């Protein structure tokens, strides 16, 4: 099925299954997707606008997301298997499950999001957050050489904070504030992916290498 140039503004999806559907230039702003465990299998989303959309428990299998706008999107309890993202992935939040576990009582038990074989080979990760045991061990990294994957994330965050703590230097102070920003969610997240350009944009080109070094060698 093809749904190109369709506006799904404030659309509510509940317990549906979409097989090999194409959504080209579709607008999903403020739509509610995945409620009742909807499944998207073999679907293609091209230049979709998802800003303001609410995700609750959808399952995406073998789907492609091509140059979509996910700014501010929280993929709450969403799961991805054998999916591919292409283009700039800006401001999205990937979780291993619900941000608040008690939501399972209202929306049902979600499939664990292990991001199994998800490809970001042709993507650029920008200000993306990972939390709640979102497994990134099988994710295919972007091929630009600027993205780095880390295991033992809680340990690395604490070590980086210790290196920059109590620094009077303004540059190192920015580095400390940056690494400290990961503390709230680090304890529930074993893996993380960082983009060098993203770090440099926030702390400066001179400080960015120091930040990466503080986290240790990538996994």
Protein backbone atom coordinates (compact mmCIF):
# COMPACT_ATOMS: atom_id res chain seq x y z
CA UNK A 1 0.00 0.00 0.00
CA UNK A 2 1.17 3.53 -0.74
CA UNK A 3 0.33 6.56 1.38
CA UNK A 4 2.41 9.31 -0.20
CA UNK A 5 1.86 12.97 0.67
CA UNK A 6 -0.77 12.06 3.24
CA UNK A 7 -1.33 14.13 6.38
CA UNK A 8 -1.73 12.00 9.51
CA UNK A 9 -1.86 15.05 11.79
CA UNK A 10 -3.20 14.01 15.24
CA UNK A 11 -3.90 10.55 13.79
CA UNK A 12 -4.22 7.74 16.36
CA UNK A 13 -2.93 4.27 15.50
CA UNK A 14 -4.12 1.41 17.71
CA UNK A 15 -3.30 -2.28 17.30
CA UNK A 16 -2.80 -2.22 13.53
CA UNK A 17 -0.44 -4.10 11.25
CA UNK A 18 1.19 -2.42 8.26
CA UNK A 19 2.95 -4.73 5.77
CA UNK A 20 5.19 -3.34 3.02
CA UNK A 21 3.56 0.08 3.11
CA UNK A 22 5.18 3.20 1.65
CA UNK A 23 4.83 6.54 3.41
CA UNK A 24 6.42 9.23 1.24
CA UNK A 25 6.47 12.83 2.51
CA UNK A 26 3.78 11.90 5.04
CA UNK A 27 3.09 14.20 7.97
CA UNK A 28 2.79 12.44 11.33
CA UNK A 29 3.00 15.55 13.49
CA UNK A 30 1.28 15.02 16.86
CA UNK A 31 0.13 11.58 15.75
CA UNK A 32 -0.05 8.70 18.25
CA UNK A 33 1.66 5.57 16.93
CA UNK A 34 1.92 2.06 18.31
CA UNK A 35 -0.78 2.07 20.94
CA UNK A 36 -2.11 -1.46 21.29
CA UNK A 37 1.16 -2.86 19.86
CA UNK A 38 0.96 -1.92 16.22
CA UNK A 39 3.44 -3.64 13.88
CA UNK A 40 5.18 -2.07 10.89
CA UNK A 41 6.86 -4.72 8.71
CA UNK A 42 8.85 -3.95 5.58
CA UNK A 43 7.60 -0.37 5.46
CA UNK A 44 9.39 2.62 3.96
CA UNK A 45 9.12 6.09 5.47
CA UNK A 46 10.64 8.73 3.20
CA UNK A 47 10.98 12.35 4.33
CA UNK A 48 8.29 11.85 6.95
CA UNK A 49 7.68 14.58 9.51
CA UNK A 50 7.26 13.03 12.97
CA UNK A 51 7.76 16.14 15.10
CA UNK A 52 5.45 16.07 18.10
CA UNK A 53 4.41 12.46 17.44
CA UNK A 54 3.88 10.13 20.40
CA UNK A 55 5.23 6.59 20.21
CA UNK A 56 3.99 3.86 22.58
CA UNK A 57 5.08 0.29 21.95
CA UNK A 58 5.17 0.02 18.14
CA UNK A 59 7.28 -2.73 16.59
CA UNK A 60 9.30 -1.94 13.46
CA UNK A 61 10.72 -4.88 11.50
CA UNK A 62 12.76 -4.47 8.30
CA UNK A 63 11.65 -0.87 7.88
CA UNK A 64 13.53 2.00 6.24
CA UNK A 65 13.51 5.58 7.50
CA UNK A 66 14.87 7.85 4.78
CA UNK A 67 15.63 11.48 5.69
CA UNK A 68 12.81 11.69 8.23
CA UNK A 69 12.39 14.48 10.79
CA UNK A 70 12.45 12.95 14.28
CA UNK A 71 13.36 16.08 16.23
CA UNK A 72 12.02 15.81 19.77
CA UNK A 73 10.61 12.30 19.24
CA UNK A 74 10.69 9.88 22.18
CA UNK A 75 10.53 6.31 20.85
CA UNK A 76 9.00 5.14 24.12
CA UNK A 77 8.89 1.32 24.25
CA UNK A 78 9.39 1.22 20.48
CA UNK A 79 11.47 -1.64 19.11
CA UNK A 80 13.48 -1.94 15.90
CA UNK A 81 14.77 -5.10 14.18
CA UNK A 82 16.69 -5.11 10.87
CA UNK A 83 15.77 -1.49 10.19
CA UNK A 84 17.80 1.19 8.41
CA UNK A 85 18.00 4.93 9.00
CA UNK A 86 19.35 7.24 6.29
CA UNK A 87 20.13 10.94 6.67
CA UNK A 88 20.46 13.14 9.73
CA UNK A 89 18.84 11.63 12.81
CA UNK A 90 18.43 14.67 15.02
CA UNK A 91 17.12 14.91 18.57
CA UNK A 92 15.46 11.50 18.90
CA UNK A 93 15.36 9.35 22.05
CA UNK A 94 15.71 5.56 21.81
CA UNK A 95 14.80 3.45 24.84
CA UNK A 96 15.05 -0.23 25.66
CA UNK A 97 11.51 -0.18 27.00
CA UNK A 98 9.16 2.23 28.69
CA UNK A 99 10.63 5.36 30.21
CA UNK A 100 8.34 4.65 33.16
CA UNK A 101 7.95 0.88 33.73
CA UNK A 102 4.51 1.33 35.25
CA UNK A 103 3.21 2.29 31.80
CA UNK A 104 3.19 -1.42 30.94
CA UNK A 105 0.07 -1.69 33.09
CA UNK A 106 -1.74 0.79 30.83
CA UNK A 107 -0.30 -0.10 27.43
CA UNK A 108 0.82 -3.71 27.82
CA UNK A 109 4.20 -5.38 27.89
CA UNK A 110 6.53 -4.11 25.18
CA UNK A 111 9.06 -6.10 23.19
CA UNK A 112 12.56 -5.34 24.45
CA UNK A 113 14.25 -2.92 22.10
CA UNK A 114 17.62 -4.49 21.31
CA UNK A 115 18.07 -2.43 18.12
CA UNK A 116 18.98 -5.75 16.51
CA UNK A 117 21.04 -5.21 13.35
CA UNK A 118 19.76 -1.66 12.95
CA UNK A 119 21.82 0.15 10.31
CA UNK A 120 22.93 3.75 10.67
CA UNK A 121 25.63 3.27 8.02
CA UNK A 122 24.22 6.12 5.93
CA UNK A 123 23.00 8.22 8.85
CA UNK A 124 24.39 10.97 11.05
CA UNK A 125 23.48 10.78 14.75
CA UNK A 126 22.94 14.24 16.21
CA UNK A 127 21.91 14.90 19.83
CA UNK A 128 20.33 11.45 20.14
CA UNK A 129 19.67 9.97 23.59
CA UNK A 130 19.78 6.28 24.58
CA UNK A 131 18.41 4.92 27.86
CA UNK A 132 16.53 2.16 29.68
CA UNK A 133 18.72 -0.77 28.59
CA UNK A 134 18.66 0.01 24.88
CA UNK A 135 21.13 -2.51 23.47
CA UNK A 136 23.38 -0.96 20.82
CA UNK A 137 25.84 -3.83 20.48
CA UNK A 138 24.65 -4.92 17.00
CA UNK A 139 23.94 -1.48 15.56
CA UNK A 140 25.84 -0.75 12.33
CA UNK A 141 27.61 2.56 12.88
CA UNK A 142 27.75 5.42 10.38
CA UNK A 143 30.67 4.99 8.01
CA UNK A 144 32.05 8.53 8.34
CA UNK A 145 34.57 7.54 11.03
CA UNK A 146 33.19 10.13 13.45
CA UNK A 147 30.79 7.94 15.43
CA UNK A 148 32.00 5.82 18.34
CA UNK A 149 30.32 3.05 20.34
CA UNK A 150 31.02 2.50 24.03
CA UNK A 151 30.23 -0.39 26.34
CA UNK A 152 30.29 -0.20 30.17
CA UNK A 153 28.69 3.22 29.84
CA UNK A 154 27.97 3.92 33.54
CA UNK A 155 31.60 3.21 34.42
CA UNK A 156 32.89 5.39 31.61
CA UNK A 157 30.64 8.32 32.53
CA UNK A 158 31.80 8.29 36.15
CA UNK A 159 35.45 8.08 35.08
CA UNK A 160 35.03 11.01 32.69
CA UNK A 161 33.30 13.09 35.35
CA UNK A 162 36.14 12.40 37.77
CA UNK A 163 38.72 13.62 35.24
CA UNK A 164 37.05 16.99 34.71
CA UNK A 165 35.68 17.64 38.21
CA UNK A 166 37.01 20.64 40.14
CA UNK A 167 38.61 22.17 37.05
CA UNK A 168 38.99 25.95 37.09
CA UNK A 169 39.69 26.09 33.36
CA UNK A 170 36.60 27.28 31.48
CA UNK A 171 37.12 24.83 28.61
CA UNK A 172 37.42 21.87 30.96
CA UNK A 173 34.39 23.17 32.81
CA UNK A 174 32.39 22.84 29.61
CA UNK A 175 33.72 19.32 29.22
CA UNK A 176 32.63 18.46 32.77
CA UNK A 177 29.12 19.82 32.21
CA UNK A 178 28.86 17.79 29.02
CA UNK A 179 29.92 14.43 30.48
CA UNK A 180 27.87 15.07 33.63
CA UNK A 181 24.74 15.44 31.49
CA UNK A 182 24.86 11.67 30.89
CA UNK A 183 24.67 10.74 34.58
CA UNK A 184 20.86 10.73 35.04
CA UNK A 185 20.32 7.86 32.56
CA UNK A 186 23.71 6.15 32.58
CA UNK A 187 22.87 3.63 35.31
CA UNK A 188 20.22 2.01 33.12
CA UNK A 189 22.21 2.11 29.89
CA UNK A 190 25.18 -0.18 29.19
CA UNK A 191 25.88 1.04 25.64
CA UNK A 192 26.17 4.45 24.03
CA UNK A 193 27.06 6.02 20.69
CA UNK A 194 28.66 9.44 20.34
CA UNK A 195 29.22 11.65 17.31
CA UNK A 196 32.43 13.69 17.35
CA UNK A 197 30.88 16.56 15.38
CA UNK A 198 28.00 16.70 17.85
CA UNK A 199 30.43 16.96 20.77
CA UNK A 200 32.54 19.61 19.01
CA UNK A 201 29.43 21.66 18.34
CA UNK A 202 28.63 21.70 22.07
CA UNK A 203 32.06 22.07 23.70
CA UNK A 204 34.32 23.30 20.87
CA UNK A 205 36.87 21.68 18.59
CA UNK A 206 39.70 22.01 21.11
CA UNK A 207 37.81 20.31 23.94
CA UNK A 208 36.04 17.57 21.95
CA UNK A 209 39.14 15.31 21.69
CA UNK A 210 39.61 15.58 25.47
CA UNK A 211 36.02 14.48 26.03
CA UNK A 212 36.40 11.43 23.80
CA UNK A 213 39.68 10.52 25.49
CA UNK A 214 38.03 10.74 28.90
CA UNK A 215 35.52 8.05 27.89
CA UNK A 216 38.33 5.69 26.91
CA UNK A 217 38.73 3.53 23.83
CA UNK A 218 35.52 2.66 21.96
CA UNK A 219 34.20 -0.89 22.24
